[in-house]
Amino acid sequence: MDMKMEDQRATPRCQVQFRTTVSDPTQPDGTGLLLDLSRGGCRLESPFLFLPGLSLELQIYVPGLEWPLMIDGADVQWVSEQTAGLAFVRIREAEQQRLDEVLTARLAGKSEDGDTEQFEAAPFEFQELEQVLSKDPQLAINKGLSWFAQDREQFQFRGGSLLNRALPNCSPEFAAALADLVKAGGDMETDFSLALLQNYPGETSTYIVLKEIVSRFPHDDRKISGVRISIDSTGVVSGAFGLADAWQVKQESLRPWLIDERQAVKAFAEQHIAELDRMIAAERHRVEAERAMRNRSNDDTEPGAYRAKPF
């Protein structure tokens, strides 16, 4: 079966054309055109400089919405010329609800212009394959590795999404098999494992694999960046300090790494715990600053509030 002929997603994918603003601290903001959208990610065309592993903020302008959809964290999974596949790893609860409403309307054919939206679902033969792979994690790994070797760029949204449906949770047995693959393999096996782990954001069962990657490739910036992305992915968060609180949970989950017998693993944990400290402090400061600004704005608009006259 030729996986290149299918464009699979873990969730239904809507074909759209939404103007989108792309933000990244390392370069000026850019604009682009969203070509498809799902609950877990999107495909974006833009002259913006995309690099695999880069984490971006998106503002998606959907016709009919008063303000754009805000995606706090969209990680670049693959790049082809000026088109990139992005996975949503950080999105606030209110924005997730708005995204779900947009998708529900589009999939039901209730778009603004009345056109019926098309989406791709897994064909019957793939559903049968899912059932087979779900019962044999080792077979799933072997099959997935062969798909990854055929097309690395599209794996996350093709073979990877099929494996995610077959194995929706990273069980300890599945994680142990992936760790053994990394330990015995090379670059391709490790890159395959990192790509596959993007399907399991926040699951601590993946740590056995991530620690093996850190131990084997402590100086490979690209792989270490992939490990950080896998650890930091929070999914939906709620509350003003939801993102900071989620990162604090991540921080605590890394503390057992500090007693690992492998020096590279301990060093990584020390560095990343300190990095999460800075991220948490910056996020709390941002929320407090926004809150203070809103309070000042409310005070200024209260009836009878004193306003200095201009000279």
C-alpha atoms as a PDB file:
ATOM      1  CA  MET A   1       0.000   0.000   0.000  1.00  0.00           C
ATOM      2  CA  ASP A   2       1.416   3.345  -1.044  1.00  0.00           C
ATOM      3  CA  MET A   3       1.154   5.702   1.917  1.00  0.00           C
ATOM      4  CA  LYS A   4       2.195   8.620  -0.300  1.00  0.00           C
ATOM      5  CA  MET A   5      -1.168   8.433  -2.035  1.00  0.00           C
ATOM      6  CA  GLU A   6      -3.032   9.126   1.178  1.00  0.00           C
ATOM      7  CA  ASP A   7      -3.001  12.254   3.335  1.00  0.00           C
ATOM      8  CA  GLN A   8      -4.059  10.989   6.732  1.00  0.00           C
ATOM      9  CA  ARG A   9      -4.766  13.015   9.865  1.00  0.00           C
ATOM     10  CA  ALA A  10      -5.476  11.978  13.430  1.00  0.00           C
ATOM     11  CA  THR A  11      -8.653  14.098  13.172  1.00  0.00           C
ATOM     12  CA  PRO A  12     -10.733  15.267  10.166  1.00  0.00           C
ATOM     13  CA  ARG A  13      -9.068  17.978   8.114  1.00  0.00           C
ATOM     14  CA  CYS A  14     -10.921  20.909   6.532  1.00  0.00           C
ATOM     15  CA  GLN A  15      -9.675  22.542   3.365  1.00  0.00           C
ATOM     16  CA  VAL A  16      -9.719  26.290   4.021  1.00  0.00           C
ATOM     17  CA  GLN A  17      -8.196  29.581   2.897  1.00  0.00           C
ATOM     18  CA  PHE A  18      -7.715  31.677   6.027  1.00  0.00           C
ATOM     19  CA  ARG A  19      -5.353  34.622   6.297  1.00  0.00           C
ATOM     20  CA  THR A  20      -2.896  33.969   9.127  1.00  0.00           C
ATOM     21  CA  THR A  21      -0.299  35.992  11.022  1.00  0.00           C
ATOM     22  CA  VAL A  22       2.834  34.116  12.128  1.00  0.00           C
ATOM     23  CA  SER A  23       4.938  35.242  15.106  1.00  0.00           C
ATOM     24  CA  ASP A  24       8.350  34.078  16.293  1.00  0.00           C
ATOM     25  CA  PRO A  25      10.698  35.966  18.669  1.00  0.00           C
ATOM     26  CA  THR A  26      13.704  35.411  16.406  1.00  0.00           C
ATOM     27  CA  GLN A  27      12.343  37.139  13.284  1.00  0.00           C
ATOM     28  CA  PRO A  28       9.765  39.743  12.161  1.00  0.00           C
ATOM     29  CA  ASP A  29       6.116  38.688  12.065  1.00  0.00           C
ATOM     30  CA  GLY A  30       4.910  37.227   8.791  1.00  0.00           C
ATOM     31  CA  THR A  31       1.636  36.531   7.027  1.00  0.00           C
ATOM     32  CA  GLY A  32       0.432  33.492   5.191  1.00  0.00           C
ATOM     33  CA  LEU A  33      -2.512  31.513   3.909  1.00  0.00           C
ATOM     34  CA  LEU A  34      -3.885  28.561   5.883  1.00  0.00           C
ATOM     35  CA  LEU A  35      -4.611  25.754   3.434  1.00  0.00           C
ATOM     36  CA  ASP A  36      -6.115  23.192   5.780  1.00  0.00           C
ATOM     37  CA  LEU A  37      -7.074  22.992   9.439  1.00  0.00           C
ATOM     38  CA  SER A  38      -7.757  20.285  12.005  1.00  0.00           C
ATOM     39  CA  ARG A  39      -8.042  20.116  15.781  1.00  0.00           C
ATOM     40  CA  GLY A  40      -4.398  19.102  16.036  1.00  0.00           C
ATOM     41  CA  GLY A  41      -2.674  21.234  13.421  1.00  0.00           C
ATOM     42  CA  CYS A  42      -2.696  22.909  10.030  1.00  0.00           C
ATOM     43  CA  ARG A  43      -0.890  23.391   6.736  1.00  0.00           C
ATOM     44  CA  LEU A  44       0.328  26.934   6.114  1.00  0.00           C
ATOM     45  CA  GLU A  45       1.742  28.593   3.008  1.00  0.00           C
ATOM     46  CA  SER A  46       3.914  31.656   3.686  1.00  0.00           C
ATOM     47  CA  PRO A  47       7.221  33.320   2.731  1.00  0.00           C
ATOM     48  CA  PHE A  48       7.987  33.232   6.486  1.00  0.00           C
ATOM     49  CA  LEU A  49      11.230  31.338   7.243  1.00  0.00           C
ATOM     50  CA  PHE A  50      10.067  27.951   8.540  1.00  0.00           C
ATOM     51  CA  LEU A  51      12.489  25.587  10.259  1.00  0.00           C
ATOM     52  CA  PRO A  52      11.562  22.111  11.565  1.00  0.00           C
ATOM     53  CA  GLY A  53      11.213  22.239  15.334  1.00  0.00           C
ATOM     54  CA  LEU A  54      10.450  25.972  15.438  1.00  0.00           C
ATOM     55  CA  SER A  55       7.593  26.927  17.785  1.00  0.00           C
ATOM     56  CA  LEU A  56       5.311  29.685  16.457  1.00  0.00           C
ATOM     57  CA  GLU A  57       2.314  31.739  17.535  1.00  0.00           C
ATOM     58  CA  LEU A  58      -0.569  31.976  15.059  1.00  0.00           C
ATOM     59  CA  GLN A  59      -3.467  34.375  14.611  1.00  0.00           C
ATOM     60  CA  ILE A  60      -5.971  32.766  12.250  1.00  0.00           C
ATOM     61  CA  TYR A  61      -8.529  35.119  10.692  1.00  0.00           C
ATOM     62  CA  VAL A  62     -11.731  33.130  10.169  1.00  0.00           C
ATOM     63  CA  PRO A  63     -14.563  34.851   8.269  1.00  0.00           C
ATOM     64  CA  GLY A  64     -17.425  35.572  10.634  1.00  0.00           C
ATOM     65  CA  LEU A  65     -15.326  35.659  13.822  1.00  0.00           C
ATOM     66  CA  GLU A  66     -14.946  38.993  15.599  1.00  0.00           C
ATOM     67  CA  TRP A  67     -11.291  38.357  16.435  1.00  0.00           C
ATOM     68  CA  PRO A  68      -8.721  35.837  15.175  1.00  0.00           C
ATOM     69  CA  LEU A  69      -8.176  32.380  16.604  1.00  0.00           C
ATOM     70  CA  MET A  70      -5.060  32.443  18.799  1.00  0.00           C
ATOM     71  CA  ILE A  71      -2.695  29.466  18.830  1.00  0.00           C
ATOM     72  CA  ASP A  72      -0.027  29.955  21.527  1.00  0.00           C
ATOM     73  CA  GLY A  73       2.244  27.180  20.299  1.00  0.00           C
ATOM     74  CA  ALA A  74       2.371  25.605  16.819  1.00  0.00           C
ATOM     75  CA  ASP A  75       5.452  23.459  16.219  1.00  0.00           C
ATOM     76  CA  VAL A  76       6.822  23.088  12.682  1.00  0.00           C
ATOM     77  CA  GLN A  77       6.733  19.389  11.763  1.00  0.00           C
ATOM     78  CA  TRP A  78       7.815  19.508   8.125  1.00  0.00           C
ATOM     79  CA  VAL A  79       8.728  22.087   5.478  1.00  0.00           C
ATOM     80  CA  SER A  80       8.392  21.960   1.700  1.00  0.00           C
ATOM     81  CA  GLU A  81       9.493  25.183  -0.044  1.00  0.00           C
ATOM     82  CA  GLN A  82       7.070  27.835   1.321  1.00  0.00           C
ATOM     83  CA  THR A  83       4.608  25.385   2.852  1.00  0.00           C
ATOM     84  CA  ALA A  84       4.836  23.939   6.370  1.00  0.00           C
ATOM     85  CA  GLY A  85       2.903  21.432   8.439  1.00  0.00           C
ATOM     86  CA  LEU A  86       2.262  22.652  11.989  1.00  0.00           C
ATOM     87  CA  ALA A  87       1.145  20.752  15.098  1.00  0.00           C
ATOM     88  CA  PHE A  88      -0.782  22.649  17.787  1.00  0.00           C
ATOM     89  CA  VAL A  89       0.924  22.030  21.141  1.00  0.00           C
ATOM     90  CA  ARG A  90      -0.287  24.996  23.214  1.00  0.00           C
ATOM     91  CA  ILE A  91      -3.766  26.464  22.985  1.00  0.00           C
ATOM     92  CA  ARG A  92      -5.899  28.018  25.704  1.00  0.00           C
ATOM     93  CA  GLU A  93      -9.209  26.423  26.644  1.00  0.00           C
ATOM     94  CA  ALA A  94     -11.345  29.265  25.275  1.00  0.00           C
ATOM     95  CA  GLU A  95      -9.472  29.224  21.956  1.00  0.00           C
ATOM     96  CA  GLN A  96      -9.793  25.429  21.729  1.00  0.00           C
ATOM     97  CA  GLN A  97     -13.559  25.805  22.088  1.00  0.00           C
ATOM     98  CA  ARG A  98     -13.618  28.427  19.321  1.00  0.00           C
ATOM     99  CA  LEU A  99     -11.506  26.190  17.079  1.00  0.00           C
ATOM    100  CA  ASP A 100     -13.847  23.247  17.712  1.00  0.00           C
ATOM    101  CA  GLU A 101     -16.838  25.418  16.782  1.00  0.00           C
ATOM    102  CA  VAL A 102     -15.182  26.487  13.533  1.00  0.00           C
ATOM    103  CA  LEU A 103     -14.360  22.879  12.625  1.00  0.00           C
ATOM    104  CA  THR A 104     -17.841  21.653  13.503  1.00  0.00           C
ATOM    105  CA  ALA A 105     -19.409  24.298  11.279  1.00  0.00           C
ATOM    106  CA  ARG A 106     -17.016  23.667   8.392  1.00  0.00           C
ATOM    107  CA  LEU A 107     -17.397  19.876   8.554  1.00  0.00           C
ATOM    108  CA  ALA A 108     -21.172  20.246   8.652  1.00  0.00           C
ATOM    109  CA  GLY A 109     -21.055  22.393   5.545  1.00  0.00           C
ATOM    110  CA  LYS A 110     -22.090  25.594   7.344  1.00  0.00           C
ATOM    111  CA  SER A 111     -19.413  27.891   6.027  1.00  0.00           C
ATOM    112  CA  GLU A 112     -20.118  31.573   5.413  1.00  0.00           C
ATOM    113  CA  ASP A 113     -20.674  31.189   1.675  1.00  0.00           C
ATOM    114  CA  GLY A 114     -22.816  28.081   1.979  1.00  0.00           C
ATOM    115  CA  ASP A 115     -20.338  25.765   0.269  1.00  0.00           C
ATOM    116  CA  THR A 116     -20.012  22.208   1.555  1.00  0.00           C
ATOM    117  CA  GLU A 117     -16.593  21.635   3.071  1.00  0.00           C
ATOM    118  CA  GLN A 118     -14.732  18.455   2.285  1.00  0.00           C
ATOM    119  CA  PHE A 119     -12.630  16.480   4.719  1.00  0.00           C
ATOM    120  CA  GLU A 120     -10.632  13.290   4.610  1.00  0.00           C
ATOM    121  CA  ALA A 121     -11.449  10.299   6.764  1.00  0.00           C
ATOM    122  CA  ALA A 122      -9.522   7.058   7.021  1.00  0.00           C
ATOM    123  CA  PRO A 123     -10.649   4.644   4.277  1.00  0.00           C
ATOM    124  CA  PHE A 124     -11.959   1.225   5.286  1.00  0.00           C
ATOM    125  CA  GLU A 125      -8.745  -0.631   4.445  1.00  0.00           C
ATOM    126  CA  PHE A 126      -6.806   1.687   6.751  1.00  0.00           C
ATOM    127  CA  GLN A 127      -9.309   1.068   9.529  1.00  0.00           C
ATOM    128  CA  GLU A 128      -8.623  -2.655   9.192  1.00  0.00           C
ATOM    129  CA  LEU A 129      -4.875  -1.998   9.340  1.00  0.00           C
ATOM    130  CA  GLU A 130      -5.356   0.077  12.502  1.00  0.00           C
ATOM    131  CA  GLN A 131      -6.949  -2.906  14.214  1.00  0.00           C
ATOM    132  CA  VAL A 132      -4.005  -5.141  13.325  1.00  0.00           C
ATOM    133  CA  LEU A 133      -1.381  -2.623  14.473  1.00  0.00           C
ATOM    134  CA  SER A 134      -3.227  -1.879  17.730  1.00  0.00           C
ATOM    135  CA  LYS A 135      -2.693  -5.490  18.819  1.00  0.00           C
ATOM    136  CA  ASP A 136       1.029  -5.636  17.991  1.00  0.00           C
ATOM    137  CA  PRO A 137       3.129  -2.589  19.021  1.00  0.00           C
ATOM    138  CA  GLN A 138       6.313  -4.100  17.600  1.00  0.00           C
ATOM    139  CA  LEU A 139       4.656  -4.604  14.211  1.00  0.00           C
ATOM    140  CA  ALA A 140       3.400  -1.009  14.417  1.00  0.00           C
ATOM    141  CA  ILE A 141       6.952   0.224  14.994  1.00  0.00           C
ATOM    142  CA  ASN A 142       8.361  -1.838  12.131  1.00  0.00           C
ATOM    143  CA  LYS A 143       5.622  -0.706   9.746  1.00  0.00           C
ATOM    144  CA  GLY A 144       5.914   2.900  10.870  1.00  0.00           C
ATOM    145  CA  LEU A 145       9.677   2.908  10.370  1.00  0.00           C
ATOM    146  CA  SER A 146       9.246   1.742   6.785  1.00  0.00           C
ATOM    147  CA  TRP A 147       6.726   4.552   6.131  1.00  0.00           C
ATOM    148  CA  PHE A 148       9.060   7.068   7.737  1.00  0.00           C
ATOM    149  CA  ALA A 149      11.926   5.955   5.479  1.00  0.00           C
ATOM    150  CA  GLN A 150       9.717   6.536   2.419  1.00  0.00           C
ATOM    151  CA  ASP A 151       8.604  10.080   3.294  1.00  0.00           C
ATOM    152  CA  ARG A 152       9.957  11.783   6.414  1.00  0.00           C
ATOM    153  CA  GLU A 153       8.383  15.184   5.792  1.00  0.00           C
ATOM    154  CA  GLN A 154       4.817  13.918   5.571  1.00  0.00           C
ATOM    155  CA  PHE A 155       5.111  11.079   8.110  1.00  0.00           C
ATOM    156  CA  GLN A 156       3.509  12.965  11.010  1.00  0.00           C
ATOM    157  CA  PHE A 157       0.327  13.576   8.998  1.00  0.00           C
ATOM    158  CA  ARG A 158       0.273  10.227   7.185  1.00  0.00           C
ATOM    159  CA  GLY A 159       1.800   7.098   8.713  1.00  0.00           C
ATOM    160  CA  GLY A 160       2.218   8.836  12.049  1.00  0.00           C
ATOM    161  CA  SER A 161      -1.467   9.722  12.350  1.00  0.00           C
ATOM    162  CA  LEU A 162      -2.446   6.158  11.420  1.00  0.00           C
ATOM    163  CA  LEU A 163      -0.201   4.782  14.177  1.00  0.00           C
ATOM    164  CA  ASN A 164      -1.676   7.302  16.607  1.00  0.00           C
ATOM    165  CA  ARG A 165      -5.174   6.037  15.881  1.00  0.00           C
ATOM    166  CA  ALA A 166      -4.024   2.447  16.299  1.00  0.00           C
ATOM    167  CA  LEU A 167      -2.113   3.280  19.506  1.00  0.00           C
ATOM    168  CA  PRO A 168      -3.775   6.398  20.980  1.00  0.00           C
ATOM    169  CA  ASN A 169      -1.733   6.155  24.191  1.00  0.00           C
ATOM    170  CA  CYS A 170       1.971   5.521  24.623  1.00  0.00           C
ATOM    171  CA  SER A 171       1.871   2.405  26.800  1.00  0.00           C
ATOM    172  CA  PRO A 172       4.975   1.423  28.830  1.00  0.00           C
ATOM    173  CA  GLU A 173       5.446  -1.575  26.517  1.00  0.00           C
ATOM    174  CA  PHE A 174       5.298   0.600  23.405  1.00  0.00           C
ATOM    175  CA  ALA A 175       7.667   3.174  24.949  1.00  0.00           C
ATOM    176  CA  ALA A 176      10.140   0.449  25.956  1.00  0.00           C
ATOM    177  CA  ALA A 177      10.147  -0.905  22.398  1.00  0.00           C
ATOM    178  CA  LEU A 178      10.844   2.587  21.029  1.00  0.00           C
ATOM    179  CA  ALA A 179      13.653   3.085  23.559  1.00  0.00           C
ATOM    180  CA  ASP A 180      15.234  -0.188  22.428  1.00  0.00           C
ATOM    181  CA  LEU A 181      14.938   0.985  18.812  1.00  0.00           C
ATOM    182  CA  VAL A 182      16.791   4.223  19.651  1.00  0.00           C
ATOM    183  CA  LYS A 183      19.443   2.365  21.636  1.00  0.00           C
ATOM    184  CA  ALA A 184      20.174  -0.110  18.839  1.00  0.00           C
ATOM    185  CA  GLY A 185      19.586   2.181  15.857  1.00  0.00           C
ATOM    186  CA  GLY A 186      21.000   5.337  14.366  1.00  0.00           C
ATOM    187  CA  ASP A 187      19.814   8.726  13.161  1.00  0.00           C
ATOM    188  CA  MET A 188      16.820   7.468  11.183  1.00  0.00           C
ATOM    189  CA  GLU A 189      15.463   5.337  14.033  1.00  0.00           C
ATOM    190  CA  THR A 190      15.845   8.236  16.469  1.00  0.00           C
ATOM    191  CA  ASP A 191      14.239  10.762  14.127  1.00  0.00           C
ATOM    192  CA  PHE A 192      11.374   8.322  13.561  1.00  0.00           C
ATOM    193  CA  SER A 193      10.878   7.951  17.318  1.00  0.00           C
ATOM    194  CA  LEU A 194      10.851  11.726  17.837  1.00  0.00           C
ATOM    195  CA  ALA A 195       8.318  12.178  15.047  1.00  0.00           C
ATOM    196  CA  LEU A 196       6.114   9.467  16.514  1.00  0.00           C
ATOM    197  CA  LEU A 197       6.304  10.902  20.034  1.00  0.00           C
ATOM    198  CA  GLN A 198       4.739  14.154  18.760  1.00  0.00           C
ATOM    199  CA  ASN A 199       1.476  12.180  18.894  1.00  0.00           C
ATOM    200  CA  TYR A 200       1.780  11.809  22.670  1.00  0.00           C
ATOM    201  CA  PRO A 201       2.327  15.337  24.046  1.00  0.00           C
ATOM    202  CA  GLY A 202       2.713  15.454  27.797  1.00  0.00           C
ATOM    203  CA  GLU A 203       2.693  11.696  28.391  1.00  0.00           C
ATOM    204  CA  THR A 204       5.451  10.876  30.881  1.00  0.00           C
ATOM    205  CA  SER A 205       5.536   7.302  29.588  1.00  0.00           C
ATOM    206  CA  THR A 206       7.552   8.723  26.666  1.00  0.00           C
ATOM    207  CA  TYR A 207      10.367   9.791  28.996  1.00  0.00           C
ATOM    208  CA  ILE A 208      12.148   6.427  28.739  1.00  0.00           C
ATOM    209  CA  VAL A 209      12.547   7.118  25.010  1.00  0.00           C
ATOM    210  CA  LEU A 210      13.484  10.771  25.433  1.00  0.00           C
ATOM    211  CA  LYS A 211      16.162   9.957  28.011  1.00  0.00           C
ATOM    212  CA  GLU A 212      17.663   7.389  25.648  1.00  0.00           C
ATOM    213  CA  ILE A 213      17.813  10.027  22.904  1.00  0.00           C
ATOM    214  CA  VAL A 214      19.481  12.545  25.229  1.00  0.00           C
ATOM    215  CA  SER A 215      21.977   9.904  26.353  1.00  0.00           C
ATOM    216  CA  ARG A 216      22.910   8.929  22.794  1.00  0.00           C
ATOM    217  CA  PHE A 217      22.837  12.360  21.128  1.00  0.00           C
ATOM    218  CA  PRO A 218      23.631  14.965  23.822  1.00  0.00           C
ATOM    219  CA  HIS A 219      25.310  17.329  21.322  1.00  0.00           C
ATOM    220  CA  ASP A 220      22.821  17.007  18.451  1.00  0.00           C
ATOM    221  CA  ASP A 221      20.932  20.325  18.695  1.00  0.00           C
ATOM    222  CA  ARG A 222      18.148  19.225  16.362  1.00  0.00           C
ATOM    223  CA  LYS A 223      17.368  16.049  18.293  1.00  0.00           C
ATOM    224  CA  ILE A 224      17.655  17.781  21.667  1.00  0.00           C
ATOM    225  CA  SER A 225      15.264  20.460  20.404  1.00  0.00           C
ATOM    226  CA  GLY A 226      12.828  17.682  19.495  1.00  0.00           C
ATOM    227  CA  VAL A 227      13.131  16.289  23.028  1.00  0.00           C
ATOM    228  CA  ARG A 228      12.355  19.726  24.508  1.00  0.00           C
ATOM    229  CA  ILE A 229       9.315  20.126  22.252  1.00  0.00           C
ATOM    230  CA  SER A 230       8.018  16.711  23.284  1.00  0.00           C
ATOM    231  CA  ILE A 231       8.439  17.523  26.985  1.00  0.00           C
ATOM    232  CA  ASP A 232       7.045  21.073  26.856  1.00  0.00           C
ATOM    233  CA  SER A 233       3.890  20.323  24.860  1.00  0.00           C
ATOM    234  CA  THR A 234       0.947  21.100  27.134  1.00  0.00           C
ATOM    235  CA  GLY A 235      -2.134  20.803  24.963  1.00  0.00           C
ATOM    236  CA  VAL A 236      -5.169  22.755  26.188  1.00  0.00           C
ATOM    237  CA  VAL A 237      -4.660  24.881  29.315  1.00  0.00           C
ATOM    238  CA  SER A 238      -7.192  26.852  31.345  1.00  0.00           C
ATOM    239  CA  GLY A 239      -7.072  29.787  33.728  1.00  0.00           C
ATOM    240  CA  ALA A 240      -4.985  32.950  33.631  1.00  0.00           C
ATOM    241  CA  PHE A 241      -1.881  31.103  34.789  1.00  0.00           C
ATOM    242  CA  GLY A 242      -2.764  27.849  33.026  1.00  0.00           C
ATOM    243  CA  LEU A 243       0.340  27.786  30.849  1.00  0.00           C
ATOM    244  CA  ALA A 244       2.698  28.620  33.738  1.00  0.00           C
ATOM    245  CA  ASP A 245       1.046  25.970  35.923  1.00  0.00           C
ATOM    246  CA  ALA A 246       1.363  23.370  33.158  1.00  0.00           C
ATOM    247  CA  TRP A 247       5.061  24.160  32.776  1.00  0.00           C
ATOM    248  CA  GLN A 248       5.502  23.799  36.533  1.00  0.00           C
ATOM    249  CA  VAL A 249       4.046  20.288  36.305  1.00  0.00           C
ATOM    250  CA  LYS A 250       6.512  19.556  33.499  1.00  0.00           C
ATOM    251  CA  GLN A 251       9.303  20.843  35.687  1.00  0.00           C
ATOM    252  CA  GLU A 252       8.382  18.512  38.540  1.00  0.00           C
ATOM    253  CA  SER A 253       8.124  15.554  36.172  1.00  0.00           C
ATOM    254  CA  LEU A 254      11.766  16.108  35.159  1.00  0.00           C
ATOM    255  CA  ARG A 255      13.180  15.923  38.689  1.00  0.00           C
ATOM    256  CA  PRO A 256      13.619  12.109  38.624  1.00  0.00           C
ATOM    257  CA  TRP A 257      15.956  12.653  35.665  1.00  0.00           C
ATOM    258  CA  LEU A 258      18.383  14.325  38.093  1.00  0.00           C
ATOM    259  CA  ILE A 259      19.255  10.965  39.661  1.00  0.00           C
ATOM    260  CA  ASP A 260      19.709   9.120  36.367  1.00  0.00           C
ATOM    261  CA  GLU A 261      23.079   7.395  36.215  1.00  0.00           C
ATOM    262  CA  ARG A 262      23.776   8.825  32.762  1.00  0.00           C
ATOM    263  CA  GLN A 263      25.549  12.167  33.033  1.00  0.00           C
ATOM    264  CA  ALA A 264      24.070  13.526  29.795  1.00  0.00           C
ATOM    265  CA  VAL A 265      20.541  12.905  31.082  1.00  0.00           C
ATOM    266  CA  LYS A 266      21.243  14.650  34.410  1.00  0.00           C
ATOM    267  CA  ALA A 267      22.875  17.610  32.668  1.00  0.00           C
ATOM    268  CA  PHE A 268      19.923  17.998  30.298  1.00  0.00           C
ATOM    269  CA  ALA A 269      17.451  17.871  33.201  1.00  0.00           C
ATOM    270  CA  GLU A 270      19.358  20.512  35.169  1.00  0.00           C
ATOM    271  CA  GLN A 271      19.451  22.839  32.169  1.00  0.00           C
ATOM    272  CA  HIS A 272      15.832  22.338  31.167  1.00  0.00           C
ATOM    273  CA  ILE A 273      14.471  22.707  34.702  1.00  0.00           C
ATOM    274  CA  ALA A 274      16.286  26.056  34.878  1.00  0.00           C
ATOM    275  CA  GLU A 275      14.901  26.999  31.451  1.00  0.00           C
ATOM    276  CA  LEU A 276      11.366  26.151  32.585  1.00  0.00           C
ATOM    277  CA  ASP A 277      11.947  28.371  35.647  1.00  0.00           C
ATOM    278  CA  ARG A 278      12.614  31.298  33.306  1.00  0.00           C
ATOM    279  CA  MET A 279       9.632  30.430  31.103  1.00  0.00           C
ATOM    280  CA  ILE A 280       7.304  30.209  34.111  1.00  0.00           C
ATOM    281  CA  ALA A 281       8.523  33.533  35.531  1.00  0.00           C
ATOM    282  CA  ALA A 282       8.158  35.248  32.137  1.00  0.00           C
ATOM    283  CA  GLU A 283       4.638  33.876  31.628  1.00  0.00           C
ATOM    284  CA  ARG A 284       3.490  34.935  35.111  1.00  0.00           C
ATOM    285  CA  HIS A 285       4.978  38.405  34.546  1.00  0.00           C
ATOM    286  CA  ARG A 286       3.151  38.662  31.200  1.00  0.00           C
ATOM    287  CA  VAL A 287      -0.200  37.703  32.746  1.00  0.00           C
ATOM    288  CA  GLU A 288       0.249  40.132  35.650  1.00  0.00           C
ATOM    289  CA  ALA A 289       1.190  42.936  33.248  1.00  0.00           C
ATOM    290  CA  GLU A 290      -1.893  42.279  31.099  1.00  0.00           C
ATOM    291  CA  ARG A 291      -4.074  42.198  34.203  1.00  0.00           C
ATOM    292  CA  ALA A 292      -2.665  45.516  35.457  1.00  0.00           C
ATOM    293  CA  MET A 293      -3.200  47.073  32.024  1.00  0.00           C
ATOM    294  CA  ARG A 294      -6.833  45.921  31.952  1.00  0.00           C
ATOM    295  CA  ASN A 295      -7.404  47.288  35.454  1.00  0.00           C
ATOM    296  CA  ARG A 296      -5.992  50.685  34.457  1.00  0.00           C
ATOM    297  CA  SER A 297      -8.156  50.681  31.351  1.00  0.00           C
ATOM    298  CA  ASN A 298     -11.267  49.904  33.416  1.00  0.00           C
ATOM    299  CA  ASP A 299     -10.432  52.666  35.898  1.00  0.00           C
ATOM    300  CA  ASP A 300     -10.047  55.186  33.090  1.00  0.00           C
ATOM    301  CA  THR A 301     -13.475  54.365  31.640  1.00  0.00           C
ATOM    302  CA  GLU A 302     -15.441  54.495  34.917  1.00  0.00           C
ATOM    303  CA  PRO A 303     -18.053  57.325  35.051  1.00  0.00           C
ATOM    304  CA  GLY A 304     -16.733  60.325  36.922  1.00  0.00           C
ATOM    305  CA  ALA A 305     -13.128  59.178  36.715  1.00  0.00           C
ATOM    306  CA  TYR A 306     -10.657  62.064  36.762  1.00  0.00           C
ATOM    307  CA  ARG A 307      -8.928  62.726  33.468  1.00  0.00           C
ATOM    308  CA  ALA A 308      -6.128  65.235  33.192  1.00  0.00           C
ATOM    309  CA  LYS A 309      -6.891  67.969  30.672  1.00  0.00           C
ATOM    310  CA  PRO A 310      -4.428  68.291  27.799  1.00  0.00           C
ATOM    311  CA  PHE A 311      -2.330  71.475  27.749  1.00  0.00           C
END
